[in-house]
Amino acid sequence: MKRCLLISVLLITAIITGCTAMDTHTAFVDVDYTDFRDIPGVTAEEIEAIEYLNGNNSTFIFGMPEGAACFMRESGNLDGYSVLICNWLSDLFDLRFTPQVFEWDELVEAVNSRDISFTGAFPFYQGSELFSTEPIEERTIIAVVREDGPPLSEMIKLRPLVYGFIDGTGVERAIAYLTGQTYTAVNLPAYENAYDNLMSREIDAIIVDSDAKAAFSKYDGIRTEPFSPAVYNMVSLATADPALSPIISVVQKYLDSDAAYKFADMQAKGWENYLNNELYLMLDDAERAYMQLHQNPAAVIPIALVYDNYPNSFYNEQANEWQGISVDIINEITSITGFTFGIANSKSDDWAKLLDMLENGSVALSGELIRTPER
């Protein structure tokens, strides 16, 4: 089923770029800081405190729960948004930030005891005893329910529900303030405990943020669905150690600067890396070999593209480039897979020419072909 869905997505999106790679454009001017001292508003006291940390040759653990933001590849290496943040922090401050995965209860305890230096998993709200930045990621709230059960929207019509929440995530706080629902809350220390309670029917659903969907994908007999009404959980970069608060303060000043888009870029790249890993895990050996082969930029996949089928695909003479829904989708496929697609036809070739190219094998795919019994 997963493979059929994957193939369907690839076939639907494959309509593009040929023997020339597709262009992408950046709509903003890059402003970045490679040295924390150059960030606007950084004080002499903050510089002195961070240089003291640097002089101690310190290594800081960046703790995260298993999820889309911090996942393990088949190689055993961690990847995701949090890993990219650690790399960025290490370069910016000339310090070592090391990502590690923990169970939720272990993470909460170790952050508060200062055995874990930093985390990017805790909710942002005023009044917290932690030193934290403003939000660095917005996550949607989802429900984890039993696979054989009815949708949450149907269950809630019958009776008040029993929701399981993971301690320390801030999700229950967001639900209580924003939904107005009547429910019974059961607080649980970790994902495994929540799963056991769900399968034993002690709770009707586990309410978590979207990052946790990756952690629950390894469990059988469950499915995820959107939580309604839509609620969001905000997480921040945080520490419990006052000695490390200057790093939090400087990162906040970075967020306040024109370079704050860097976090959005890292989040998008981290999500691409997560999807790439999920795709890789679905493939058999032959498919993995194909994927690895076509991640070489020289192994261009030729595609036929119709020049006048707006908005699906068309050639924009003013911009001198191919555009359309298909182009946008294929760019996303390229980001996730690392494939290089190329348009093998000219901007004036009609459909008859494109169909001939498809039939004789000159191109691998076309997004314009309608499926019929004859085909």
Protein backbone atom coordinates (compact mmCIF):
# COMPACT_ATOMS: atom_id res chain seq x y z
CA MET A 1 0.00 0.00 0.00
CA LYS A 2 2.75 2.46 0.95
CA ARG A 3 4.69 1.64 -2.21
CA CYS A 4 1.61 2.09 -4.41
CA LEU A 5 1.00 5.47 -2.83
CA LEU A 6 4.63 6.44 -3.37
CA ILE A 7 4.56 5.37 -7.01
CA SER A 8 1.29 7.23 -7.55
CA VAL A 9 2.74 10.43 -6.13
CA LEU A 10 5.85 10.15 -8.27
CA LEU A 11 3.84 9.47 -11.42
CA ILE A 12 1.40 12.30 -10.77
CA THR A 13 4.17 14.77 -10.15
CA ALA A 14 6.57 13.65 -12.83
CA ILE A 15 6.07 16.04 -15.66
CA ILE A 16 9.10 18.00 -16.01
CA THR A 17 12.44 19.44 -16.61
CA GLY A 18 14.58 17.84 -19.09
CA CYS A 19 17.79 17.80 -20.16
CA THR A 20 18.29 21.03 -18.32
CA ALA A 21 17.89 21.17 -14.58
CA MET A 22 15.05 23.34 -13.25
CA ASP A 23 15.76 26.70 -11.73
CA THR A 24 14.64 27.86 -8.30
CA HIS A 25 14.61 31.47 -7.17
CA THR A 26 15.02 33.04 -3.78
CA ALA A 27 12.61 35.86 -3.02
CA PHE A 28 14.69 37.49 -0.30
CA VAL A 29 18.15 38.89 0.20
CA ASP A 30 20.42 36.64 2.22
CA VAL A 31 21.44 38.15 5.54
CA ASP A 32 23.36 35.82 7.81
CA TYR A 33 25.84 35.93 10.64
CA THR A 34 28.63 33.38 10.89
CA ASP A 35 30.06 34.85 14.11
CA PHE A 36 27.72 35.45 17.06
CA ARG A 37 29.59 38.65 17.88
CA ASP A 38 28.23 40.25 14.70
CA ILE A 39 24.56 39.71 15.58
CA PRO A 40 22.87 43.07 16.25
CA GLY A 41 22.41 43.83 19.94
CA VAL A 42 24.88 41.30 21.37
CA THR A 43 26.44 42.75 24.51
CA ALA A 44 30.00 42.63 25.82
CA GLU A 45 28.77 40.61 28.80
CA GLU A 46 27.24 37.97 26.51
CA ILE A 47 30.42 37.77 24.45
CA GLU A 48 32.54 37.36 27.59
CA ALA A 49 30.27 34.62 28.98
CA ILE A 50 30.27 32.65 25.73
CA GLU A 51 34.02 33.01 25.26
CA TYR A 52 34.42 31.58 28.78
CA LEU A 53 32.40 28.52 27.70
CA ASN A 54 34.56 28.26 24.61
CA GLY A 55 37.71 28.38 26.71
CA ASN A 56 36.49 25.39 28.73
CA ASN A 57 36.24 23.34 25.51
CA SER A 58 32.71 22.38 26.49
CA THR A 59 30.38 19.93 24.74
CA PHE A 60 26.65 20.48 25.15
CA ILE A 61 24.02 17.77 24.84
CA PHE A 62 21.02 18.83 22.79
CA GLY A 63 18.26 16.48 23.97
CA MET A 64 15.21 15.60 21.88
CA PRO A 65 12.52 12.91 21.85
CA GLU A 66 12.34 10.59 18.87
CA GLY A 67 10.38 12.33 16.13
CA ALA A 68 10.48 14.01 12.76
CA ALA A 69 12.80 16.70 14.14
CA CYS A 70 15.32 14.15 15.41
CA PHE A 71 15.25 10.69 13.86
CA MET A 72 17.77 7.93 13.27
CA ARG A 73 18.74 6.83 9.79
CA GLU A 74 19.47 3.21 8.92
CA SER A 75 23.18 4.07 9.21
CA GLY A 76 22.69 4.85 12.90
CA ASN A 77 23.27 8.60 12.42
CA LEU A 78 20.77 11.14 13.71
CA ASP A 79 19.19 13.57 11.25
CA GLY A 80 16.44 16.18 11.12
CA TYR A 81 15.75 19.78 12.07
CA SER A 82 17.36 19.44 15.50
CA VAL A 83 20.57 18.04 14.04
CA LEU A 84 20.76 20.98 11.64
CA ILE A 85 20.23 23.36 14.55
CA CYS A 86 23.10 21.69 16.43
CA ASN A 87 25.39 22.08 13.43
CA TRP A 88 24.39 25.73 13.09
CA LEU A 89 24.90 26.44 16.80
CA SER A 90 28.30 24.72 16.72
CA ASP A 91 29.44 26.89 13.81
CA LEU A 92 27.99 30.11 15.19
CA PHE A 93 29.46 29.83 18.69
CA ASP A 94 32.51 27.65 17.91
CA LEU A 95 31.23 25.17 20.51
CA ARG A 96 30.16 21.53 20.27
CA PHE A 97 26.41 20.84 20.38
CA THR A 98 25.64 17.11 20.22
CA PRO A 99 22.10 15.84 19.52
CA GLN A 100 20.84 12.85 21.50
CA VAL A 101 17.45 11.11 21.66
CA PHE A 102 15.73 10.45 24.99
CA GLU A 103 12.39 9.13 26.20
CA TRP A 104 10.13 11.99 27.23
CA ASP A 105 10.30 11.38 30.96
CA GLU A 106 14.08 11.05 30.82
CA LEU A 107 14.33 14.25 28.76
CA VAL A 108 12.23 16.31 31.17
CA GLU A 109 14.15 15.09 34.20
CA ALA A 110 17.59 15.53 32.63
CA VAL A 111 16.89 19.03 31.32
CA ASN A 112 15.65 20.17 34.72
CA SER A 113 18.65 18.58 36.46
CA ARG A 114 20.94 20.23 33.86
CA ASP A 115 22.36 16.88 32.73
CA ILE A 116 21.03 17.86 29.30
CA SER A 117 22.24 21.31 28.30
CA PHE A 118 19.66 22.31 25.69
CA THR A 119 16.47 21.10 24.07
CA GLY A 120 14.28 22.21 21.20
CA ALA A 121 11.26 20.18 22.28
CA PHE A 122 9.69 22.07 25.16
CA PRO A 123 6.66 24.37 24.76
CA PHE A 124 7.04 28.11 24.75
CA TYR A 125 4.99 30.04 27.27
CA GLN A 126 5.46 32.97 29.59
CA GLY A 127 6.25 32.06 33.17
CA SER A 128 8.41 29.06 32.41
CA GLU A 129 11.35 28.56 34.75
CA LEU A 130 13.56 27.68 31.79
CA PHE A 131 15.63 30.15 29.81
CA SER A 132 14.10 29.99 26.35
CA THR A 133 13.83 31.75 23.03
CA GLU A 134 10.59 32.60 21.35
CA PRO A 135 9.15 29.73 19.26
CA ILE A 136 11.46 28.09 16.72
CA GLU A 137 8.82 25.71 15.37
CA GLU A 138 5.03 25.56 15.08
CA ARG A 139 3.50 22.08 15.17
CA THR A 140 -0.06 20.97 14.56
CA ILE A 141 -1.87 18.87 17.16
CA ILE A 142 -2.88 15.36 16.06
CA ALA A 143 -4.71 12.42 17.61
CA VAL A 144 -3.42 8.86 17.76
CA VAL A 145 -6.35 6.42 17.86
CA ARG A 146 -6.91 2.68 17.53
CA GLU A 147 -6.96 1.52 13.93
CA ASP A 148 -10.20 -0.42 14.39
CA GLY A 149 -12.03 2.44 16.09
CA PRO A 150 -14.27 5.21 14.75
CA PRO A 151 -12.95 8.70 13.95
CA LEU A 152 -12.49 10.99 16.93
CA SER A 153 -15.15 13.32 15.50
CA GLU A 154 -17.72 10.51 15.80
CA MET A 155 -16.68 9.38 19.29
CA ILE A 156 -16.92 12.89 20.71
CA LYS A 157 -20.63 13.06 19.76
CA LEU A 158 -21.41 10.14 22.06
CA ARG A 159 -19.67 11.06 25.32
CA PRO A 160 -16.83 13.06 26.85
CA LEU A 161 -13.60 11.38 25.86
CA VAL A 162 -10.52 10.34 27.78
CA TYR A 163 -7.37 11.85 26.28
CA GLY A 164 -3.84 10.76 27.02
CA PHE A 165 -1.18 13.48 27.13
CA ILE A 166 2.59 13.17 27.42
CA ASP A 167 3.95 15.07 30.42
CA GLY A 168 6.02 18.09 29.49
CA THR A 169 4.90 18.51 25.88
CA GLY A 170 2.54 21.43 26.51
CA VAL A 171 -0.14 19.86 24.33
CA GLU A 172 -2.71 19.51 27.13
CA ARG A 173 -2.21 23.17 27.99
CA ALA A 174 -2.87 24.19 24.38
CA ILE A 175 -5.99 21.99 24.16
CA ALA A 176 -7.42 23.24 27.45
CA TYR A 177 -7.02 26.91 26.51
CA LEU A 178 -8.17 26.79 22.91
CA THR A 179 -10.78 24.09 22.29
CA GLY A 180 -13.38 24.37 25.03
CA GLN A 181 -13.89 20.61 24.90
CA THR A 182 -14.99 18.57 27.90
CA TYR A 183 -12.67 15.62 28.44
CA THR A 184 -10.78 13.65 31.05
CA ALA A 185 -7.00 14.07 30.90
CA VAL A 186 -4.62 11.23 31.69
CA ASN A 187 -1.00 12.34 31.95
CA LEU A 188 1.57 9.77 30.88
CA PRO A 189 5.38 9.84 31.07
CA ALA A 190 6.35 8.51 27.62
CA TYR A 191 5.07 7.35 24.23
CA GLU A 192 5.22 3.65 25.11
CA ASN A 193 3.07 4.16 28.20
CA ALA A 194 0.57 6.12 26.14
CA TYR A 195 0.42 3.38 23.50
CA ASP A 196 -0.19 0.71 26.13
CA ASN A 197 -3.03 2.76 27.65
CA LEU A 198 -4.58 3.30 24.23
CA MET A 199 -4.51 -0.37 23.25
CA SER A 200 -5.92 -1.43 26.63
CA ARG A 201 -8.75 1.08 26.05
CA GLU A 202 -7.97 3.07 29.18
CA ILE A 203 -7.88 6.16 26.98
CA ASP A 204 -9.70 6.99 23.75
CA ALA A 205 -6.86 8.85 22.05
CA ILE A 206 -3.32 10.08 22.54
CA ILE A 207 -3.12 13.81 21.82
CA VAL A 208 0.36 14.87 20.69
CA ASP A 209 1.94 17.34 18.32
CA SER A 210 2.82 16.39 14.75
CA ASP A 211 6.49 15.74 15.53
CA ALA A 212 5.47 12.64 17.51
CA LYS A 213 3.80 11.04 14.50
CA ALA A 214 7.20 9.67 13.50
CA ALA A 215 7.66 8.04 16.90
CA PHE A 216 4.28 6.31 16.76
CA SER A 217 4.85 4.96 13.24
CA LYS A 218 6.64 1.93 14.70
CA TYR A 219 3.57 0.79 16.64
CA ASP A 220 0.92 -1.55 15.22
CA GLY A 221 -2.85 -1.20 15.41
CA ILE A 222 -3.06 2.59 15.42
CA ARG A 223 -3.59 5.47 13.04
CA THR A 224 -3.25 9.23 13.29
CA GLU A 225 -5.79 11.87 12.35
CA PRO A 226 -5.99 15.66 12.60
CA PHE A 227 -7.28 17.05 15.87
CA SER A 228 -10.28 19.34 15.52
CA PRO A 229 -10.49 22.24 15.97
CA ALA A 230 -7.01 23.01 14.68
CA VAL A 231 -4.60 23.70 17.52
CA TYR A 232 -0.88 24.40 17.36
CA ASN A 233 1.97 23.74 19.77
CA MET A 234 4.94 26.11 19.81
CA VAL A 235 8.37 24.86 20.88
CA SER A 236 11.46 26.87 21.69
CA LEU A 237 15.18 26.50 22.26
CA ALA A 238 15.62 26.19 26.02
CA THR A 239 18.02 25.45 28.87
CA ALA A 240 17.67 25.21 32.64
CA ASP A 241 21.29 26.26 33.28
CA PRO A 242 21.78 29.98 34.05
CA ALA A 243 25.39 29.71 32.85
CA LEU A 244 24.09 28.85 29.39
CA SER A 245 21.45 31.60 29.26
CA PRO A 246 23.73 33.95 27.22
CA ILE A 247 23.50 31.47 24.34
CA ILE A 248 19.70 31.62 24.56
CA SER A 249 19.83 35.40 24.67
CA VAL A 250 22.08 35.63 21.60
CA VAL A 251 19.97 33.18 19.61
CA GLN A 252 16.89 35.26 20.45
CA LYS A 253 18.66 38.33 19.07
CA TYR A 254 19.42 36.33 15.94
CA LEU A 255 15.71 35.50 15.68
CA ASP A 256 14.93 39.20 16.01
CA SER A 257 17.30 40.07 13.16
CA ASP A 258 16.83 39.92 9.41
CA ALA A 259 18.53 36.52 9.42
CA ALA A 260 15.71 34.72 11.25
CA TYR A 261 14.65 33.00 8.01
CA LYS A 262 17.58 30.64 8.66
CA PHE A 263 15.40 28.69 11.09
CA ALA A 264 12.66 28.32 8.51
CA ASP A 265 15.24 27.06 6.02
CA MET A 266 16.61 24.55 8.53
CA GLN A 267 13.12 23.36 9.41
CA ALA A 268 12.24 22.84 5.73
CA LYS A 269 15.50 21.00 5.08
CA GLY A 270 15.03 18.86 8.17
CA TRP A 271 11.55 17.89 7.00
CA GLU A 272 12.92 16.99 3.57
CA ASN A 273 15.54 14.79 5.22
CA TYR A 274 12.85 13.07 7.27
CA LEU A 275 10.71 12.38 4.18
CA ASN A 276 13.78 11.13 2.33
CA ASN A 277 14.45 8.65 5.11
CA GLU A 278 10.80 7.53 5.27
CA LEU A 279 10.84 6.95 1.52
CA TYR A 280 14.11 5.02 1.70
CA LEU A 281 12.70 2.70 4.37
CA MET A 282 9.75 1.82 2.10
CA LEU A 283 11.94 0.65 -0.78
CA ASP A 284 13.27 -2.79 -1.61
CA ASP A 285 16.90 -3.37 -2.64
CA ALA A 286 16.28 -2.80 -6.35
CA GLU A 287 14.42 0.45 -5.70
CA ARG A 288 17.14 1.64 -3.35
CA ALA A 289 19.75 0.94 -6.02
CA TYR A 290 17.70 2.98 -8.53
CA MET A 291 17.39 5.82 -6.05
CA GLN A 292 21.12 5.88 -5.32
CA LEU A 293 21.95 5.80 -9.05
CA HIS A 294 19.70 8.73 -9.85
CA GLN A 295 20.95 10.86 -7.02
CA ASN A 296 23.96 11.44 -9.27
CA PRO A 297 23.30 14.76 -11.07
CA ALA A 298 24.61 13.19 -14.27
CA ALA A 299 21.83 10.56 -14.21
CA VAL A 300 19.14 12.90 -15.54
CA ILE A 301 15.60 11.47 -15.78
CA PRO A 302 14.09 12.80 -19.05
CA ILE A 303 10.49 14.02 -18.89
CA ALA A 304 8.07 15.43 -21.45
CA LEU A 305 6.28 18.67 -20.60
CA VAL A 306 3.39 20.33 -22.45
CA TYR A 307 4.12 24.00 -23.09
CA ASP A 308 0.56 25.40 -23.02
CA ASN A 309 -1.46 23.49 -20.43
CA TYR A 310 -1.97 26.19 -17.80
CA PRO A 311 -1.93 25.83 -14.80
CA ASN A 312 -0.57 22.27 -14.92
CA SER A 313 2.47 23.06 -17.04
CA PHE A 314 3.39 25.88 -19.39
CA TYR A 315 6.36 27.80 -20.68
CA ASN A 316 6.48 31.39 -19.45
CA GLU A 317 8.07 33.43 -22.23
CA GLN A 318 8.49 36.52 -20.06
CA ALA A 319 10.29 34.64 -17.30
CA ASN A 320 11.96 32.33 -19.82
CA GLU A 321 11.21 29.24 -17.74
CA TRP A 322 8.84 26.31 -17.30
CA GLN A 323 6.17 26.89 -14.66
CA GLY A 324 3.03 25.31 -13.29
CA ILE A 325 1.70 22.96 -10.65
CA SER A 326 3.70 20.08 -12.04
CA VAL A 327 6.91 22.09 -11.88
CA ASP A 328 6.29 22.94 -8.24
CA ILE A 329 5.60 19.32 -7.37
CA ILE A 330 8.62 17.99 -9.22
CA ASN A 331 10.79 20.49 -7.35
CA GLU A 332 9.51 18.98 -4.11
CA ILE A 333 10.25 15.48 -5.39
CA THR A 334 13.75 16.62 -6.30
CA SER A 335 14.28 18.04 -2.82
CA ILE A 336 13.19 14.79 -1.15
CA THR A 337 14.82 12.26 -3.47
CA GLY A 338 17.84 14.10 -4.87
CA PHE A 339 16.79 13.10 -8.39
CA THR A 340 17.59 15.35 -11.36
CA PHE A 341 14.76 15.70 -13.88
CA GLY A 342 15.20 17.24 -17.30
CA ILE A 343 12.84 18.43 -20.01
CA ALA A 344 13.64 16.48 -23.14
CA ASN A 345 11.27 18.35 -25.45
CA SER A 346 11.37 21.89 -26.78
CA LYS A 347 8.93 24.62 -25.76
CA SER A 348 7.14 24.35 -29.11
CA ASP A 349 6.62 20.56 -29.36
CA ASP A 350 2.95 19.59 -29.56
CA TRP A 351 1.30 16.69 -27.74
CA ALA A 352 1.68 14.30 -30.67
CA LYS A 353 5.45 14.76 -30.53
CA LEU A 354 5.49 14.27 -26.75
CA LEU A 355 3.42 11.10 -26.99
CA ASP A 356 5.80 9.70 -29.60
CA MET A 357 8.76 10.45 -27.31
CA LEU A 358 7.02 8.62 -24.50
CA GLU A 359 6.21 5.59 -26.66
CA ASN A 360 9.71 5.24 -28.11
CA GLY A 361 11.38 5.62 -24.71
CA SER A 362 12.97 9.02 -25.27
CA VAL A 363 11.34 10.21 -22.07
CA ALA A 364 10.57 8.27 -18.93
CA LEU A 365 7.41 10.07 -17.85
CA SER A 366 4.75 12.55 -18.87
CA GLY A 367 2.12 14.07 -16.66
CA GLU A 368 -0.29 14.68 -19.53
CA LEU A 369 -1.16 11.08 -20.38
CA ILE A 370 -4.71 10.08 -19.53
CA ARG A 371 -5.14 6.54 -18.33
CA THR A 372 -7.49 4.51 -20.57
CA PRO A 373 -8.28 0.76 -20.87
CA GLU A 374 -6.23 0.61 -24.06
CA ARG A 375 -3.17 2.02 -22.32
